[in-house]
């Protein structure tokens, strides 16, 4: 179960990174409205990644305690 949590967090990090790259590309092209939308999406995905990473960490700690 813990591995799934870590995988999910990693996927959210990848999605957030992609959204950041797309936002940067649009800003470079002076398409600021689209860039801002992708920046907003990147922030949402980053928040989900953080929450998922925290959950994965918590589950890993619980699993380690249970194995003792």
PDB file of N, CA and C in Angstrom:
ATOM      1  N   UNK A   1       0.833  -1.199   0.000  1.00  0.00           N
ATOM      2  CA  UNK A   1       0.000   0.000   0.000  1.00  0.00           C
ATOM      3  C   UNK A   1       0.868   1.249   0.000  1.00  0.00           C
ATOM      4  N   UNK A   2       1.931   1.228   0.759  1.00  0.00           N
ATOM      5  CA  UNK A   2       2.797   2.398   0.859  1.00  0.00           C
ATOM      6  C   UNK A   2       3.421   2.749  -0.491  1.00  0.00           C
ATOM      7  N   UNK A   3       3.797   1.721  -1.251  1.00  0.00           N
ATOM      8  CA  UNK A   3       4.392   1.962  -2.564  1.00  0.00           C
ATOM      9  C   UNK A   3       3.408   2.697  -3.475  1.00  0.00           C
ATOM     10  N   UNK A   4       2.125   2.331  -3.414  1.00  0.00           N
ATOM     11  CA  UNK A   4       1.107   3.015  -4.204  1.00  0.00           C
ATOM     12  C   UNK A   4       1.010   4.486  -3.824  1.00  0.00           C
ATOM     13  N   UNK A   5       1.104   4.783  -2.552  1.00  0.00           N
ATOM     14  CA  UNK A   5       1.041   6.171  -2.079  1.00  0.00           C
ATOM     15  C   UNK A   5       2.219   6.974  -2.606  1.00  0.00           C
ATOM     16  N   UNK A   6       3.394   6.373  -2.587  1.00  0.00           N
ATOM     17  CA  UNK A   6       4.583   7.063  -3.101  1.00  0.00           C
ATOM     18  C   UNK A   6       4.471   7.270  -4.611  1.00  0.00           C
ATOM     19  N   UNK A   7       3.955   6.271  -5.309  1.00  0.00           N
ATOM     20  CA  UNK A   7       3.787   6.380  -6.761  1.00  0.00           C
ATOM     21  C   UNK A   7       2.806   7.491  -7.105  1.00  0.00           C
ATOM     22  N   UNK A   8       1.726   7.559  -6.363  1.00  0.00           N
ATOM     23  CA  UNK A   8       0.715   8.605  -6.601  1.00  0.00           C
ATOM     24  C   UNK A   8       1.308   9.990  -6.369  1.00  0.00           C
ATOM     25  N   UNK A   9       2.069  10.147  -5.307  1.00  0.00           N
ATOM     26  CA  UNK A   9       2.716  11.433  -5.028  1.00  0.00           C
ATOM     27  C   UNK A   9       3.673  11.797  -6.157  1.00  0.00           C
ATOM     28  N   UNK A  10       4.437  10.815  -6.624  1.00  0.00           N
ATOM     29  CA  UNK A  10       5.388  11.070  -7.717  1.00  0.00           C
ATOM     30  C   UNK A  10       4.653  11.502  -8.986  1.00  0.00           C
ATOM     31  N   UNK A  11       3.526  10.875  -9.261  1.00  0.00           N
ATOM     32  CA  UNK A  11       2.745  11.252 -10.442  1.00  0.00           C
ATOM     33  C   UNK A  11       2.248  12.683 -10.340  1.00  0.00           C
ATOM     34  N   UNK A  12       1.769  13.088  -9.178  1.00  0.00           N
ATOM     35  CA  UNK A  12       1.335  14.478  -9.001  1.00  0.00           C
ATOM     36  C   UNK A  12       2.503  15.446  -9.180  1.00  0.00           C
ATOM     37  N   UNK A  13       3.678  15.075  -8.685  1.00  0.00           N
ATOM     38  CA  UNK A  13       4.860  15.925  -8.876  1.00  0.00           C
ATOM     39  C   UNK A  13       5.187  16.068 -10.360  1.00  0.00           C
ATOM     40  N   UNK A  14       5.099  14.960 -11.097  1.00  0.00           N
ATOM     41  CA  UNK A  14       5.362  15.009 -12.542  1.00  0.00           C
ATOM     42  C   UNK A  14       4.356  15.893 -13.269  1.00  0.00           C
ATOM     43  N   UNK A  15       3.071  15.764 -12.911  1.00  0.00           N
ATOM     44  CA  UNK A  15       2.027  16.577 -13.542  1.00  0.00           C
ATOM     45  C   UNK A  15       2.251  18.051 -13.231  1.00  0.00           C
ATOM     46  N   UNK A  16       2.598  18.355 -11.996  1.00  0.00           N
ATOM     47  CA  UNK A  16       2.848  19.750 -11.610  1.00  0.00           C
ATOM     48  C   UNK A  16       4.043  20.307 -12.377  1.00  0.00           C
ATOM     49  N   UNK A  17       5.104  19.513 -12.493  1.00  0.00           N
ATOM     50  CA  UNK A  17       6.293  19.971 -13.219  1.00  0.00           C
ATOM     51  C   UNK A  17       5.945  20.252 -14.678  1.00  0.00           C
ATOM     52  N   UNK A  18       5.155  19.382 -15.277  1.00  0.00           N
ATOM     53  CA  UNK A  18       4.746  19.597 -16.671  1.00  0.00           C
ATOM     54  C   UNK A  18       3.951  20.896 -16.798  1.00  0.00           C
ATOM     55  N   UNK A  19       3.007  21.121 -15.894  1.00  0.00           N
ATOM     56  CA  UNK A  19       2.203  22.342 -15.940  1.00  0.00           C
ATOM     57  C   UNK A  19       3.077  23.578 -15.770  1.00  0.00           C
ATOM     58  N   UNK A  20       4.108  23.490 -14.923  1.00  0.00           N
ATOM     59  CA  UNK A  20       5.043  24.618 -14.757  1.00  0.00           C
ATOM     60  C   UNK A  20       5.796  24.887 -16.070  1.00  0.00           C
ATOM     61  N   UNK A  21       6.239  23.811 -16.739  1.00  0.00           N
ATOM     62  CA  UNK A  21       6.956  23.992 -18.006  1.00  0.00           C
ATOM     63  C   UNK A  21       6.056  24.608 -19.063  1.00  0.00           C
ATOM     64  N   UNK A  22       4.817  24.152 -19.161  1.00  0.00           N
ATOM     65  CA  UNK A  22       3.870  24.693 -20.136  1.00  0.00           C
ATOM     66  C   UNK A  22       3.586  26.160 -19.823  1.00  0.00           C
ATOM     67  N   UNK A  23       3.405  26.474 -18.553  1.00  0.00           N
ATOM     68  CA  UNK A  23       3.158  27.869 -18.155  1.00  0.00           C
ATOM     69  C   UNK A  23       4.329  28.750 -18.558  1.00  0.00           C
ATOM     70  N   UNK A  24       5.545  28.280 -18.306  1.00  0.00           N
ATOM     71  CA  UNK A  24       6.733  29.059 -18.668  1.00  0.00           C
ATOM     72  C   UNK A  24       6.795  29.303 -20.176  1.00  0.00           C
ATOM     73  N   UNK A  25       6.464  28.284 -20.950  1.00  0.00           N
ATOM     74  CA  UNK A  25       6.469  28.427 -22.406  1.00  0.00           C
ATOM     75  C   UNK A  25       5.473  29.484 -22.854  1.00  0.00           C
ATOM     76  N   UNK A  26       4.272  29.464 -22.272  1.00  0.00           N
ATOM     77  CA  UNK A  26       3.262  30.454 -22.646  1.00  0.00           C
ATOM     78  C   UNK A  26       3.675  31.857 -22.208  1.00  0.00           C
ATOM     79  N   UNK A  27       4.286  31.969 -21.050  1.00  0.00           N
ATOM     80  CA  UNK A  27       4.752  33.292 -20.604  1.00  0.00           C
ATOM     81  C   UNK A  27       5.847  33.815 -21.537  1.00  0.00           C
ATOM     82  N   UNK A  28       6.739  32.927 -21.971  1.00  0.00           N
ATOM     83  CA  UNK A  28       7.803  33.345 -22.897  1.00  0.00           C
ATOM     84  C   UNK A  28       7.224  33.846 -24.214  1.00  0.00           C
ATOM     85  N   UNK A  29       6.096  33.272 -24.620  1.00  0.00           N
ATOM     86  CA  UNK A  29       5.431  33.674 -25.866  1.00  0.00           C
ATOM     87  C   UNK A  29       4.500  34.868 -25.643  1.00  0.00           C
ATOM     88  N   UNK A  30       4.556  35.426 -24.448  1.00  0.00           N
ATOM     89  CA  UNK A  30       3.733  36.562 -24.042  1.00  0.00           C
ATOM     90  C   UNK A  30       2.239  36.247 -24.082  1.00  0.00           C
ATOM     91  N   UNK A  31       1.904  34.974 -23.925  1.00  0.00           N
ATOM     92  CA  UNK A  31       0.513  34.552 -23.783  1.00  0.00           C
ATOM     93  C   UNK A  31       0.267  34.401 -22.288  1.00  0.00           C
ATOM     94  N   UNK A  32       0.181  35.547 -21.626  1.00  0.00           N
ATOM     95  CA  UNK A  32       0.139  35.558 -20.169  1.00  0.00           C
ATOM     96  C   UNK A  32      -1.151  34.975 -19.598  1.00  0.00           C
ATOM     97  N   UNK A  33      -2.265  35.158 -20.300  1.00  0.00           N
ATOM     98  CA  UNK A  33      -3.528  34.619 -19.781  1.00  0.00           C
ATOM     99  C   UNK A  33      -3.466  33.091 -19.701  1.00  0.00           C
ATOM    100  N   UNK A  34      -2.999  32.451 -20.763  1.00  0.00           N
ATOM    101  CA  UNK A  34      -2.863  30.996 -20.749  1.00  0.00           C
ATOM    102  C   UNK A  34      -1.786  30.581 -19.757  1.00  0.00           C
ATOM    103  N   UNK A  35      -0.705  31.337 -19.718  1.00  0.00           N
ATOM    104  CA  UNK A  35       0.373  31.045 -18.771  1.00  0.00           C
ATOM    105  C   UNK A  35      -0.103  31.081 -17.339  1.00  0.00           C
ATOM    106  N   UNK A  36      -0.927  32.060 -17.019  1.00  0.00           N
ATOM    107  CA  UNK A  36      -1.464  32.159 -15.655  1.00  0.00           C
ATOM    108  C   UNK A  36      -2.374  30.973 -15.333  1.00  0.00           C
ATOM    109  N   UNK A  37      -3.154  30.536 -16.321  1.00  0.00           N
ATOM    110  CA  UNK A  37      -4.029  29.389 -16.095  1.00  0.00           C
ATOM    111  C   UNK A  37      -3.198  28.130 -15.818  1.00  0.00           C
ATOM    112  N   UNK A  38      -2.149  27.918 -16.591  1.00  0.00           N
ATOM    113  CA  UNK A  38      -1.286  26.759 -16.345  1.00  0.00           C
ATOM    114  C   UNK A  38      -0.536  26.898 -15.020  1.00  0.00           C
ATOM    115  N   UNK A  39      -0.183  28.106 -14.648  1.00  0.00           N
ATOM    116  CA  UNK A  39       0.455  28.324 -13.347  1.00  0.00           C
ATOM    117  C   UNK A  39      -0.498  27.961 -12.218  1.00  0.00           C
ATOM    118  N   UNK A  40      -1.772  28.319 -12.379  1.00  0.00           N
ATOM    119  CA  UNK A  40      -2.787  27.981 -11.387  1.00  0.00           C
ATOM    120  C   UNK A  40      -2.937  26.467 -11.287  1.00  0.00           C
ATOM    121  N   UNK A  41      -2.978  25.800 -12.439  1.00  0.00           N
ATOM    122  CA  UNK A  41      -3.087  24.347 -12.443  1.00  0.00           C
ATOM    123  C   UNK A  41      -1.850  23.711 -11.802  1.00  0.00           C
ATOM    124  N   UNK A  42      -0.688  24.262 -12.094  1.00  0.00           N
ATOM    125  CA  UNK A  42       0.547  23.740 -11.508  1.00  0.00           C
ATOM    126  C   UNK A  42       0.505  23.851  -9.991  1.00  0.00           C
ATOM    127  N   UNK A  43       0.005  24.970  -9.493  1.00  0.00           N
ATOM    128  CA  UNK A  43      -0.107  25.155  -8.047  1.00  0.00           C
ATOM    129  C   UNK A  43      -1.046  24.113  -7.435  1.00  0.00           C
ATOM    130  N   UNK A  44      -2.171  23.863  -8.089  1.00  0.00           N
ATOM    131  CA  UNK A  44      -3.107  22.853  -7.592  1.00  0.00           C
ATOM    132  C   UNK A  44      -2.454  21.472  -7.561  1.00  0.00           C
ATOM    133  N   UNK A  45      -1.759  21.119  -8.642  1.00  0.00           N
ATOM    134  CA  UNK A  45      -1.103  19.813  -8.698  1.00  0.00           C
ATOM    135  C   UNK A  45       0.028  19.719  -7.673  1.00  0.00           C
ATOM    136  N   UNK A  46       0.722  20.817  -7.460  1.00  0.00           N
ATOM    137  CA  UNK A  46       1.784  20.821  -6.451  1.00  0.00           C
ATOM    138  C   UNK A  46       1.208  20.582  -5.060  1.00  0.00           C
ATOM    139  N   UNK A  47       0.067  21.197  -4.788  1.00  0.00           N
ATOM    140  CA  UNK A  47      -0.583  21.000  -3.489  1.00  0.00           C
ATOM    141  C   UNK A  47      -1.011  19.543  -3.321  1.00  0.00           C
ATOM    142  N   UNK A  48      -1.557  18.943  -4.386  1.00  0.00           N
ATOM    143  CA  UNK A  48      -1.950  17.534  -4.328  1.00  0.00           C
ATOM    144  C   UNK A  48      -0.720  16.647  -4.131  1.00  0.00           C
ATOM    145  N   UNK A  49       0.372  16.997  -4.809  1.00  0.00           N
ATOM    146  CA  UNK A  49       1.603  16.222  -4.668  1.00  0.00           C
ATOM    147  C   UNK A  49       2.104  16.285  -3.234  1.00  0.00           C
ATOM    148  N   UNK A  50       2.069  17.469  -2.646  1.00  0.00           N
ATOM    149  CA  UNK A  50       2.505  17.629  -1.258  1.00  0.00           C
ATOM    150  C   UNK A  50       1.642  16.798  -0.312  1.00  0.00           C
ATOM    151  N   UNK A  51       0.317  16.881  -0.498  1.00  0.00           N
ATOM    152  CA  UNK A  51      -0.595  16.117   0.354  1.00  0.00           C
ATOM    153  C   UNK A  51      -0.360  14.612   0.194  1.00  0.00           C
ATOM    154  N   UNK A  52      -0.167  14.171  -1.041  1.00  0.00           N
ATOM    155  CA  UNK A  52       0.064  12.750  -1.288  1.00  0.00           C
ATOM    156  C   UNK A  52       1.395  12.299  -0.702  1.00  0.00           C
ATOM    157  N   UNK A  53       2.411  13.151  -0.797  1.00  0.00           N
ATOM    158  CA  UNK A  53       3.713  12.809  -0.225  1.00  0.00           C
ATOM    159  C   UNK A  53       3.617  12.703   1.297  1.00  0.00           C
ATOM    160  N   UNK A  54       2.868  13.616   1.907  1.00  0.00           N
ATOM    161  CA  UNK A  54       2.681  13.565   3.353  1.00  0.00           C
ATOM    162  C   UNK A  54       1.958  12.281   3.758  1.00  0.00           C
ATOM    163  N   UNK A  55       0.932  11.916   2.989  1.00  0.00           N
ATOM    164  CA  UNK A  55       0.185  10.692   3.273  1.00  0.00           C
ATOM    165  C   UNK A  55       1.088   9.465   3.109  1.00  0.00           C
ATOM    166  N   UNK A  56       1.887   9.450   2.049  1.00  0.00           N
ATOM    167  CA  UNK A  56       2.802   8.325   1.818  1.00  0.00           C
ATOM    168  C   UNK A  56       3.806   8.211   2.960  1.00  0.00           C
ATOM    169  N   UNK A  57       4.311   9.341   3.415  1.00  0.00           N
ATOM    170  CA  UNK A  57       5.261   9.353   4.522  1.00  0.00           C
ATOM    171  C   UNK A  57       4.608   8.809   5.798  1.00  0.00           C
ATOM    172  N   UNK A  58       3.392   9.262   6.051  1.00  0.00           N
ATOM    173  CA  UNK A  58       2.663   8.799   7.232  1.00  0.00           C
ATOM    174  C   UNK A  58       2.443   7.287   7.170  1.00  0.00           C
ATOM    175  N   UNK A  59       2.041   6.797   6.010  1.00  0.00           N
ATOM    176  CA  UNK A  59       1.797   5.363   5.856  1.00  0.00           C
ATOM    177  C   UNK A  59       3.088   4.569   6.005  1.00  0.00           C
ATOM    178  N   UNK A  60       4.194   5.118   5.503  1.00  0.00           N
ATOM    179  CA  UNK A  60       5.482   4.440   5.647  1.00  0.00           C
ATOM    180  C   UNK A  60       5.886   4.335   7.107  1.00  0.00           C
ATOM    181  N   UNK A  61       5.690   5.423   7.842  1.00  0.00           N
ATOM    182  CA  UNK A  61       6.006   5.407   9.270  1.00  0.00           C
ATOM    183  C   UNK A  61       5.135   4.404  10.018  1.00  0.00           C
ATOM    184  N   UNK A  62       3.836   4.382   9.694  1.00  0.00           N
ATOM    185  CA  UNK A  62       2.940   3.433  10.351  1.00  0.00           C
ATOM    186  C   UNK A  62       3.338   2.001  10.031  1.00  0.00           C
ATOM    187  N   UNK A  63       3.721   1.758   8.800  1.00  0.00           N
ATOM    188  CA  UNK A  63       4.134   0.423   8.379  1.00  0.00           C
ATOM    189  C   UNK A  63       5.403  -0.004   9.116  1.00  0.00           C
ATOM    190  N   UNK A  64       6.333   0.918   9.291  1.00  0.00           N
ATOM    191  CA  UNK A  64       7.583   0.619   9.994  1.00  0.00           C
ATOM    192  C   UNK A  64       7.313   0.291  11.458  1.00  0.00           C
ATOM    193  N   UNK A  65       6.389   1.020  12.077  1.00  0.00           N
ATOM    194  CA  UNK A  65       6.039   0.784  13.485  1.00  0.00           C
ATOM    195  C   UNK A  65       5.350  -0.572  13.621  1.00  0.00           C
ATOM    196  N   UNK A  66       4.472  -0.891  12.671  1.00  0.00           N
ATOM    197  CA  UNK A  66       3.745  -2.154  12.716  1.00  0.00           C
ATOM    198  C   UNK A  66       4.684  -3.360  12.575  1.00  0.00           C
ATOM    199  N   UNK A  67       5.786  -3.177  11.858  1.00  0.00           N
ATOM    200  CA  UNK A  67       6.730  -4.272  11.637  1.00  0.00           C
ATOM    201  C   UNK A  67       7.623  -4.524  12.836  1.00  0.00           C
ATOM    202  N   UNK A  68       7.662  -3.593  13.787  1.00  0.00           N
ATOM    203  CA  UNK A  68       8.535  -3.751  14.955  1.00  0.00           C
ATOM    204  C   UNK A  68       7.961  -4.702  15.950  1.00  0.00           C
TER     205      UNK A  68
END
